[in-house]
Amino acid sequence: MTGTPVASTCPLACVERASPWLLEVTQAVALASDWHVPLDTTLGRDLTAADLTALSALKSAQGGAMASDREIDRQEREAEAAARKQRTP
């Protein structure tokens, strides 16, 4: 679909594969967060424009995942409420 070789590690990898910059920054963010060190230290270099683009993509993906989680929670609550309502005589 994107012309990128299909990864064998994830069923969704054929849909979209993270860019090398996003992967590098994602790993650096995880290390920086876990060890409370500056991001440029975990990268071993100053941040570049590509890093900032990757960080923006990462933040956007996290926001999308959180919104999805909230929607799933809402749907589960509604389903549970409907099930309780059906059980009530």
PDB file of N, CA and C in Angstrom:
ATOM      1  N   MET A   1       0.817  -1.182   0.000  1.00  0.00           N
ATOM      2  CA  MET A   1       0.000   0.000   0.000  1.00  0.00           C
ATOM      3  C   MET A   1       0.871   1.260   0.000  1.00  0.00           C
ATOM      4  N   THR A   2       1.898   1.285   0.847  1.00  0.00           N
ATOM      5  CA  THR A   2       2.766   2.453   0.911  1.00  0.00           C
ATOM      6  C   THR A   2       4.067   2.238   0.165  1.00  0.00           C
ATOM      7  N   GLY A   3       4.270   1.034  -0.352  1.00  0.00           N
ATOM      8  CA  GLY A   3       5.514   0.731  -1.043  1.00  0.00           C
ATOM      9  C   GLY A   3       6.632   0.324  -0.106  1.00  0.00           C
ATOM     10  N   THR A   4       6.327   0.255   1.197  1.00  0.00           N
ATOM     11  CA  THR A   4       7.317  -0.150   2.188  1.00  0.00           C
ATOM     12  C   THR A   4       7.291  -1.666   2.307  1.00  0.00           C
ATOM     13  N   PRO A   5       8.435  -2.292   2.487  1.00  0.00           N
ATOM     14  CA  PRO A   5       8.426  -3.748   2.672  1.00  0.00           C
ATOM     15  C   PRO A   5       7.599  -4.132   3.906  1.00  0.00           C
ATOM     16  N   VAL A   6       6.877  -5.221   3.784  1.00  0.00           N
ATOM     17  CA  VAL A   6       6.019  -5.681   4.879  1.00  0.00           C
ATOM     18  C   VAL A   6       6.879  -6.241   6.004  1.00  0.00           C
ATOM     19  N   ALA A   7       6.595  -5.777   7.228  1.00  0.00           N
ATOM     20  CA  ALA A   7       7.304  -6.300   8.392  1.00  0.00           C
ATOM     21  C   ALA A   7       6.648  -7.610   8.817  1.00  0.00           C
ATOM     22  N   SER A   8       7.425  -8.499   9.358  1.00  0.00           N
ATOM     23  CA  SER A   8       6.877  -9.797   9.763  1.00  0.00           C
ATOM     24  C   SER A   8       6.520  -9.835  11.241  1.00  0.00           C
ATOM     25  N   THR A   9       6.616  -8.701  11.929  1.00  0.00           N
ATOM     26  CA  THR A   9       6.427  -8.705  13.378  1.00  0.00           C
ATOM     27  C   THR A   9       5.046  -8.265  13.838  1.00  0.00           C
ATOM     28  N   CYS A  10       4.279  -7.638  12.997  1.00  0.00           N
ATOM     29  CA  CYS A  10       2.998  -7.096  13.432  1.00  0.00           C
ATOM     30  C   CYS A  10       1.973  -7.230  12.318  1.00  0.00           C
ATOM     31  N   PRO A  11       0.755  -7.680  12.629  1.00  0.00           N
ATOM     32  CA  PRO A  11      -0.250  -7.821  11.576  1.00  0.00           C
ATOM     33  C   PRO A  11      -0.622  -6.489  10.923  1.00  0.00           C
ATOM     34  N   LEU A  12      -0.438  -5.384  11.630  1.00  0.00           N
ATOM     35  CA  LEU A  12      -0.764  -4.076  11.065  1.00  0.00           C
ATOM     36  C   LEU A  12       0.418  -3.437  10.356  1.00  0.00           C
ATOM     37  N   ALA A  13       1.564  -4.071  10.382  1.00  0.00           N
ATOM     38  CA  ALA A  13       2.759  -3.489   9.779  1.00  0.00           C
ATOM     39  C   ALA A  13       2.594  -3.314   8.277  1.00  0.00           C
ATOM     40  N   CYS A  14       1.756  -4.127   7.648  1.00  0.00           N
ATOM     41  CA  CYS A  14       1.557  -3.980   6.209  1.00  0.00           C
ATOM     42  C   CYS A  14       0.757  -2.721   5.901  1.00  0.00           C
ATOM     43  N   VAL A  15       0.033  -2.197   6.878  1.00  0.00           N
ATOM     44  CA  VAL A  15      -0.745  -0.978   6.682  1.00  0.00           C
ATOM     45  C   VAL A  15       0.140   0.247   6.822  1.00  0.00           C
ATOM     46  N   GLU A  16       0.918   0.281   7.864  1.00  0.00           N
ATOM     47  CA  GLU A  16       1.788   1.428   8.094  1.00  0.00           C
ATOM     48  C   GLU A  16       2.976   1.013   8.928  1.00  0.00           C
ATOM     49  N   ARG A  17       4.128   1.458   8.529  1.00  0.00           N
ATOM     50  CA  ARG A  17       5.357   1.168   9.268  1.00  0.00           C
ATOM     51  C   ARG A  17       5.932   2.495   9.724  1.00  0.00           C
ATOM     52  N   ALA A  18       6.346   2.560  10.958  1.00  0.00           N
ATOM     53  CA  ALA A  18       6.905   3.799  11.493  1.00  0.00           C
ATOM     54  C   ALA A  18       8.205   4.142  10.782  1.00  0.00           C
ATOM     55  N   SER A  19       8.418   5.430  10.594  1.00  0.00           N
ATOM     56  CA  SER A  19       9.655   5.872   9.972  1.00  0.00           C
ATOM     57  C   SER A  19      10.815   5.617  10.939  1.00  0.00           C
ATOM     58  N   PRO A  20      12.028   5.533  10.425  1.00  0.00           N
ATOM     59  CA  PRO A  20      13.179   5.331  11.309  1.00  0.00           C
ATOM     60  C   PRO A  20      13.309   6.439  12.358  1.00  0.00           C
ATOM     61  N   TRP A  21      12.971   7.673  11.982  1.00  0.00           N
ATOM     62  CA  TRP A  21      13.060   8.780  12.941  1.00  0.00           C
ATOM     63  C   TRP A  21      12.051   8.595  14.069  1.00  0.00           C
ATOM     64  N   LEU A  22      10.835   8.205  13.701  1.00  0.00           N
ATOM     65  CA  LEU A  22       9.818   8.007  14.730  1.00  0.00           C
ATOM     66  C   LEU A  22      10.222   6.881  15.666  1.00  0.00           C
ATOM     67  N   LEU A  23      10.755   5.812  15.135  1.00  0.00           N
ATOM     68  CA  LEU A  23      11.210   4.697  15.966  1.00  0.00           C
ATOM     69  C   LEU A  23      12.325   5.146  16.908  1.00  0.00           C
ATOM     70  N   GLU A  24      13.299   5.859  16.371  1.00  0.00           N
ATOM     71  CA  GLU A  24      14.421   6.332  17.189  1.00  0.00           C
ATOM     72  C   GLU A  24      13.936   7.267  18.295  1.00  0.00           C
ATOM     73  N   VAL A  25      13.056   8.188  17.932  1.00  0.00           N
ATOM     74  CA  VAL A  25      12.557   9.145  18.922  1.00  0.00           C
ATOM     75  C   VAL A  25      11.651   8.455  19.938  1.00  0.00           C
ATOM     76  N   THR A  26      10.843   7.504  19.493  1.00  0.00           N
ATOM     77  CA  THR A  26       9.972   6.772  20.418  1.00  0.00           C
ATOM     78  C   THR A  26      10.807   6.034  21.467  1.00  0.00           C
ATOM     79  N   GLN A  27      11.863   5.389  21.023  1.00  0.00           N
ATOM     80  CA  GLN A  27      12.731   4.692  21.964  1.00  0.00           C
ATOM     81  C   GLN A  27      13.434   5.682  22.895  1.00  0.00           C
ATOM     82  N   ALA A  28      13.866   6.815  22.354  1.00  0.00           N
ATOM     83  CA  ALA A  28      14.526   7.831  23.174  1.00  0.00           C
ATOM     84  C   ALA A  28      13.556   8.415  24.201  1.00  0.00           C
ATOM     85  N   VAL A  29      12.305   8.634  23.798  1.00  0.00           N
ATOM     86  CA  VAL A  29      11.296   9.159  24.729  1.00  0.00           C
ATOM     87  C   VAL A  29      11.063   8.169  25.866  1.00  0.00           C
ATOM     88  N   ALA A  30      10.987   6.896  25.529  1.00  0.00           N
ATOM     89  CA  ALA A  30      10.786   5.880  26.566  1.00  0.00           C
ATOM     90  C   ALA A  30      11.954   5.884  27.551  1.00  0.00           C
ATOM     91  N   LEU A  31      13.174   5.938  27.035  1.00  0.00           N
ATOM     92  CA  LEU A  31      14.339   5.978  27.927  1.00  0.00           C
ATOM     93  C   LEU A  31      14.362   7.254  28.756  1.00  0.00           C
ATOM     94  N   ALA A  32      14.076   8.371  28.106  1.00  0.00           N
ATOM     95  CA  ALA A  32      14.087   9.649  28.815  1.00  0.00           C
ATOM     96  C   ALA A  32      13.039   9.652  29.928  1.00  0.00           C
ATOM     97  N   SER A  33      11.885   9.097  29.626  1.00  0.00           N
ATOM     98  CA  SER A  33      10.805   9.044  30.610  1.00  0.00           C
ATOM     99  C   SER A  33      11.154   8.105  31.763  1.00  0.00           C
ATOM    100  N   ASP A  34      11.660   6.931  31.432  1.00  0.00           N
ATOM    101  CA  ASP A  34      11.997   5.947  32.461  1.00  0.00           C
ATOM    102  C   ASP A  34      13.125   6.410  33.375  1.00  0.00           C
ATOM    103  N   TRP A  35      14.108   7.071  32.793  1.00  0.00           N
ATOM    104  CA  TRP A  35      15.307   7.420  33.551  1.00  0.00           C
ATOM    105  C   TRP A  35      15.401   8.909  33.886  1.00  0.00           C
ATOM    106  N   HIS A  36      14.390   9.681  33.481  1.00  0.00           N
ATOM    107  CA  HIS A  36      14.332  11.113  33.811  1.00  0.00           C
ATOM    108  C   HIS A  36      15.583  11.863  33.362  1.00  0.00           C
ATOM    109  N   VAL A  37      15.942  11.639  32.113  1.00  0.00           N
ATOM    110  CA  VAL A  37      17.068  12.355  31.519  1.00  0.00           C
ATOM    111  C   VAL A  37      16.559  13.119  30.302  1.00  0.00           C
ATOM    112  N   PRO A  38      17.244  14.188  29.911  1.00  0.00           N
ATOM    113  CA  PRO A  38      16.798  14.968  28.758  1.00  0.00           C
ATOM    114  C   PRO A  38      16.762  14.131  27.472  1.00  0.00           C
ATOM    115  N   LEU A  39      15.827  14.455  26.621  1.00  0.00           N
ATOM    116  CA  LEU A  39      15.647  13.718  25.375  1.00  0.00           C
ATOM    117  C   LEU A  39      16.888  13.767  24.494  1.00  0.00           C
ATOM    118  N   ASP A  40      17.533  14.917  24.414  1.00  0.00           N
ATOM    119  CA  ASP A  40      18.735  14.992  23.581  1.00  0.00           C
ATOM    120  C   ASP A  40      19.862  14.122  24.132  1.00  0.00           C
ATOM    121  N   THR A  41      19.848  13.886  25.437  1.00  0.00           N
ATOM    122  CA  THR A  41      20.845  12.994  26.029  1.00  0.00           C
ATOM    123  C   THR A  41      20.585  11.548  25.610  1.00  0.00           C
ATOM    124  N   THR A  42      19.329  11.132  25.631  1.00  0.00           N
ATOM    125  CA  THR A  42      19.021   9.760  25.236  1.00  0.00           C
ATOM    126  C   THR A  42      19.251   9.550  23.743  1.00  0.00           C
ATOM    127  N   LEU A  43      19.055  10.607  22.946  1.00  0.00           N
ATOM    128  CA  LEU A  43      19.326  10.508  21.506  1.00  0.00           C
ATOM    129  C   LEU A  43      20.827  10.567  21.223  1.00  0.00           C
ATOM    130  N   GLY A  44      21.559  11.224  22.102  1.00  0.00           N
ATOM    131  CA  GLY A  44      22.990  11.389  21.892  1.00  0.00           C
ATOM    132  C   GLY A  44      23.326  12.508  20.933  1.00  0.00           C
ATOM    133  N   ARG A  45      22.353  13.401  20.706  1.00  0.00           N
ATOM    134  CA  ARG A  45      22.559  14.525  19.794  1.00  0.00           C
ATOM    135  C   ARG A  45      21.469  15.568  20.027  1.00  0.00           C
ATOM    136  N   ASP A  46      21.653  16.739  19.432  1.00  0.00           N
ATOM    137  CA  ASP A  46      20.622  17.773  19.505  1.00  0.00           C
ATOM    138  C   ASP A  46      19.402  17.339  18.696  1.00  0.00           C
ATOM    139  N   LEU A  47      18.236  17.845  19.107  1.00  0.00           N
ATOM    140  CA  LEU A  47      17.018  17.545  18.356  1.00  0.00           C
ATOM    141  C   LEU A  47      17.054  18.224  16.992  1.00  0.00           C
ATOM    142  N   THR A  48      16.561  17.519  15.984  1.00  0.00           N
ATOM    143  CA  THR A  48      16.486  18.052  14.631  1.00  0.00           C
ATOM    144  C   THR A  48      15.030  18.311  14.265  1.00  0.00           C
ATOM    145  N   ALA A  49      14.806  18.891  13.107  1.00  0.00           N
ATOM    146  CA  ALA A  49      13.440  19.099  12.622  1.00  0.00           C
ATOM    147  C   ALA A  49      12.724  17.753  12.458  1.00  0.00           C
ATOM    148  N   ALA A  50      13.434  16.733  11.996  1.00  0.00           N
ATOM    149  CA  ALA A  50      12.832  15.400  11.856  1.00  0.00           C
ATOM    150  C   ALA A  50      12.426  14.845  13.222  1.00  0.00           C
ATOM    151  N   ASP A  51      13.239  15.108  14.246  1.00  0.00           N
ATOM    152  CA  ASP A  51      12.893  14.671  15.602  1.00  0.00           C
ATOM    153  C   ASP A  51      11.606  15.341  16.068  1.00  0.00           C
ATOM    154  N   LEU A  52      11.501  16.621  15.824  1.00  0.00           N
ATOM    155  CA  LEU A  52      10.303  17.354  16.245  1.00  0.00           C
ATOM    156  C   LEU A  52       9.073  16.858  15.495  1.00  0.00           C
ATOM    157  N   THR A  53       9.239  16.527  14.220  1.00  0.00           N
ATOM    158  CA  THR A  53       8.133  15.950  13.451  1.00  0.00           C
ATOM    159  C   THR A  53       7.737  14.595  14.027  1.00  0.00           C
ATOM    160  N   ALA A  54       8.727  13.784  14.366  1.00  0.00           N
ATOM    161  CA  ALA A  54       8.457  12.474  14.956  1.00  0.00           C
ATOM    162  C   ALA A  54       7.789  12.612  16.322  1.00  0.00           C
ATOM    163  N   LEU A  55       8.254  13.567  17.128  1.00  0.00           N
ATOM    164  CA  LEU A  55       7.634  13.797  18.437  1.00  0.00           C
ATOM    165  C   LEU A  55       6.183  14.240  18.280  1.00  0.00           C
ATOM    166  N   SER A  56       5.931  15.073  17.284  1.00  0.00           N
ATOM    167  CA  SER A  56       4.566  15.511  17.023  1.00  0.00           C
ATOM    168  C   SER A  56       3.692  14.332  16.610  1.00  0.00           C
ATOM    169  N   ALA A  57       4.209  13.452  15.757  1.00  0.00           N
ATOM    170  CA  ALA A  57       3.467  12.258  15.338  1.00  0.00           C
ATOM    171  C   ALA A  57       3.214  11.337  16.522  1.00  0.00           C
ATOM    172  N   LEU A  58       4.204  11.197  17.374  1.00  0.00           N
ATOM    173  CA  LEU A  58       4.062  10.356  18.567  1.00  0.00           C
ATOM    174  C   LEU A  58       2.983  10.918  19.488  1.00  0.00           C
ATOM    175  N   LYS A  59       3.015  12.208  19.724  1.00  0.00           N
ATOM    176  CA  LYS A  59       2.021  12.843  20.597  1.00  0.00           C
ATOM    177  C   LYS A  59       0.626  12.698  20.005  1.00  0.00           C
ATOM    178  N   SER A  60       0.518  12.869  18.695  1.00  0.00           N
ATOM    179  CA  SER A  60      -0.768  12.723  18.023  1.00  0.00           C
ATOM    180  C   SER A  60      -1.289  11.294  18.148  1.00  0.00           C
ATOM    181  N   ALA A  61      -0.406  10.318  17.973  1.00  0.00           N
ATOM    182  CA  ALA A  61      -0.800   8.910  18.092  1.00  0.00           C
ATOM    183  C   ALA A  61      -1.242   8.589  19.515  1.00  0.00           C
ATOM    184  N   GLN A  62      -0.537   9.139  20.498  1.00  0.00           N
ATOM    185  CA  GLN A  62      -0.931   8.919  21.891  1.00  0.00           C
ATOM    186  C   GLN A  62      -2.315   9.514  22.155  1.00  0.00           C
ATOM    187  N   GLY A  63      -2.556  10.690  21.609  1.00  0.00           N
ATOM    188  CA  GLY A  63      -3.871  11.312  21.768  1.00  0.00           C
ATOM    189  C   GLY A  63      -4.964  10.490  21.114  1.00  0.00           C
ATOM    190  N   GLY A  64      -4.677   9.971  19.923  1.00  0.00           N
ATOM    191  CA  GLY A  64      -5.646   9.116  19.240  1.00  0.00           C
ATOM    192  C   GLY A  64      -5.931   7.838  20.005  1.00  0.00           C
ATOM    193  N   ALA A  65      -4.884   7.250  20.575  1.00  0.00           N
ATOM    194  CA  ALA A  65      -5.059   6.028  21.364  1.00  0.00           C
ATOM    195  C   ALA A  65      -5.891   6.305  22.614  1.00  0.00           C
ATOM    196  N   MET A  66      -5.627   7.435  23.258  1.00  0.00           N
ATOM    197  CA  MET A  66      -6.407   7.777  24.454  1.00  0.00           C
ATOM    198  C   MET A  66      -7.869   8.023  24.100  1.00  0.00           C
ATOM    199  N   ALA A  67      -8.118   8.708  22.990  1.00  0.00           N
ATOM    200  CA  ALA A  67      -9.495   8.958  22.559  1.00  0.00           C
ATOM    201  C   ALA A  67     -10.197   7.637  22.247  1.00  0.00           C
ATOM    202  N   SER A  68      -9.488   6.722  21.605  1.00  0.00           N
ATOM    203  CA  SER A  68     -10.046   5.407  21.302  1.00  0.00           C
ATOM    204  C   SER A  68     -10.369   4.648  22.582  1.00  0.00           C
ATOM    205  N   ASP A  69      -9.458   4.688  23.545  1.00  0.00           N
ATOM    206  CA  ASP A  69      -9.690   4.017  24.831  1.00  0.00           C
ATOM    207  C   ASP A  69     -10.926   4.588  25.529  1.00  0.00           C
ATOM    208  N   ARG A  70     -11.050   5.906  25.511  1.00  0.00           N
ATOM    209  CA  ARG A  70     -12.222   6.533  26.143  1.00  0.00           C
ATOM    210  C   ARG A  70     -13.515   6.120  25.449  1.00  0.00           C
ATOM    211  N   GLU A  71     -13.480   6.032  24.127  1.00  0.00           N
ATOM    212  CA  GLU A  71     -14.672   5.620  23.376  1.00  0.00           C
ATOM    213  C   GLU A  71     -15.020   4.170  23.687  1.00  0.00           C
ATOM    214  N   ILE A  72     -14.027   3.308  23.761  1.00  0.00           N
ATOM    215  CA  ILE A  72     -14.270   1.902  24.116  1.00  0.00           C
ATOM    216  C   ILE A  72     -14.865   1.816  25.516  1.00  0.00           C
ATOM    217  N   ASP A  73     -14.314   2.573  26.469  1.00  0.00           N
ATOM    218  CA  ASP A  73     -14.854   2.589  27.837  1.00  0.00           C
ATOM    219  C   ASP A  73     -16.306   3.051  27.837  1.00  0.00           C
ATOM    220  N   ARG A  74     -16.601   4.096  27.064  1.00  0.00           N
ATOM    221  CA  ARG A  74     -17.971   4.622  27.002  1.00  0.00           C
ATOM    222  C   ARG A  74     -18.921   3.559  26.452  1.00  0.00           C
ATOM    223  N   GLN A  75     -18.515   2.898  25.378  1.00  0.00           N
ATOM    224  CA  GLN A  75     -19.362   1.862  24.784  1.00  0.00           C
ATOM    225  C   GLN A  75     -19.578   0.695  25.744  1.00  0.00           C
ATOM    226  N   GLU A  76     -18.539   0.317  26.478  1.00  0.00           N
ATOM    227  CA  GLU A  76     -18.680  -0.772  27.454  1.00  0.00           C
ATOM    228  C   GLU A  76     -19.628  -0.376  28.582  1.00  0.00           C
ATOM    229  N   ARG A  77     -19.499   0.873  29.051  1.00  0.00           N
ATOM    230  CA  ARG A  77     -20.424   1.339  30.104  1.00  0.00           C
ATOM    231  C   ARG A  77     -21.862   1.322  29.612  1.00  0.00           C
ATOM    232  N   GLU A  78     -22.081   1.781  28.371  1.00  0.00           N
ATOM    233  CA  GLU A  78     -23.436   1.786  27.813  1.00  0.00           C
ATOM    234  C   GLU A  78     -23.973   0.367  27.652  1.00  0.00           C
ATOM    235  N   ALA A  79     -23.133  -0.561  27.215  1.00  0.00           N
ATOM    236  CA  ALA A  79     -23.562  -1.952  27.055  1.00  0.00           C
ATOM    237  C   ALA A  79     -23.912  -2.567  28.410  1.00  0.00           C
ATOM    238  N   GLU A  80     -23.090  -2.272  29.435  1.00  0.00           N
ATOM    239  CA  GLU A  80     -23.376  -2.786  30.778  1.00  0.00           C
ATOM    240  C   GLU A  80     -24.670  -2.193  31.324  1.00  0.00           C
ATOM    241  N   ALA A  81     -24.880  -0.914  31.093  1.00  0.00           N
ATOM    242  CA  ALA A  81     -26.115  -0.274  31.565  1.00  0.00           C
ATOM    243  C   ALA A  81     -27.323  -0.871  30.847  1.00  0.00           C
ATOM    244  N   ALA A  82     -27.214  -1.118  29.557  1.00  0.00           N
ATOM    245  CA  ALA A  82     -28.314  -1.727  28.803  1.00  0.00           C
ATOM    246  C   ALA A  82     -28.578  -3.142  29.290  1.00  0.00           C
ATOM    247  N   ALA A  83     -27.526  -3.893  29.592  1.00  0.00           N
ATOM    248  CA  ALA A  83     -27.692  -5.264  30.090  1.00  0.00           C
ATOM    249  C   ALA A  83     -28.367  -5.251  31.454  1.00  0.00           C
ATOM    250  N   ARG A  84     -27.968  -4.310  32.324  1.00  0.00           N
ATOM    251  CA  ARG A  84     -28.607  -4.201  33.649  1.00  0.00           C
ATOM    252  C   ARG A  84     -30.081  -3.836  33.496  1.00  0.00           C
ATOM    253  N   LYS A  85     -30.370  -2.949  32.558  1.00  0.00           N
ATOM    254  CA  LYS A  85     -31.747  -2.515  32.340  1.00  0.00           C
ATOM    255  C   LYS A  85     -32.613  -3.684  31.858  1.00  0.00           C
ATOM    256  N   GLN A  86     -32.045  -4.540  31.025  1.00  0.00           N
ATOM    257  CA  GLN A  86     -32.803  -5.707  30.528  1.00  0.00           C
ATOM    258  C   GLN A  86     -33.046  -6.715  31.628  1.00  0.00           C
ATOM    259  N   ARG A  87     -32.121  -6.824  32.586  1.00  0.00           N
ATOM    260  CA  ARG A  87     -32.286  -7.791  33.687  1.00  0.00           C
ATOM    261  C   ARG A  87     -33.291  -7.295  34.719  1.00  0.00           C
ATOM    262  N   THR A  88     -33.507  -5.992  34.775  1.00  0.00           N
ATOM    263  CA  THR A  88     -34.423  -5.421  35.769  1.00  0.00           C
ATOM    264  C   THR A  88     -35.865  -5.671  35.315  1.00  0.00           C
ATOM    265  N   PRO A  89     -36.663  -6.296  36.210  1.00  0.00           N
ATOM    266  CA  PRO A  89     -38.068  -6.610  35.829  1.00  0.00           C
ATOM    267  C   PRO A  89     -38.932  -5.398  35.689  1.00  0.00           C
TER     268      PRO A  89
END
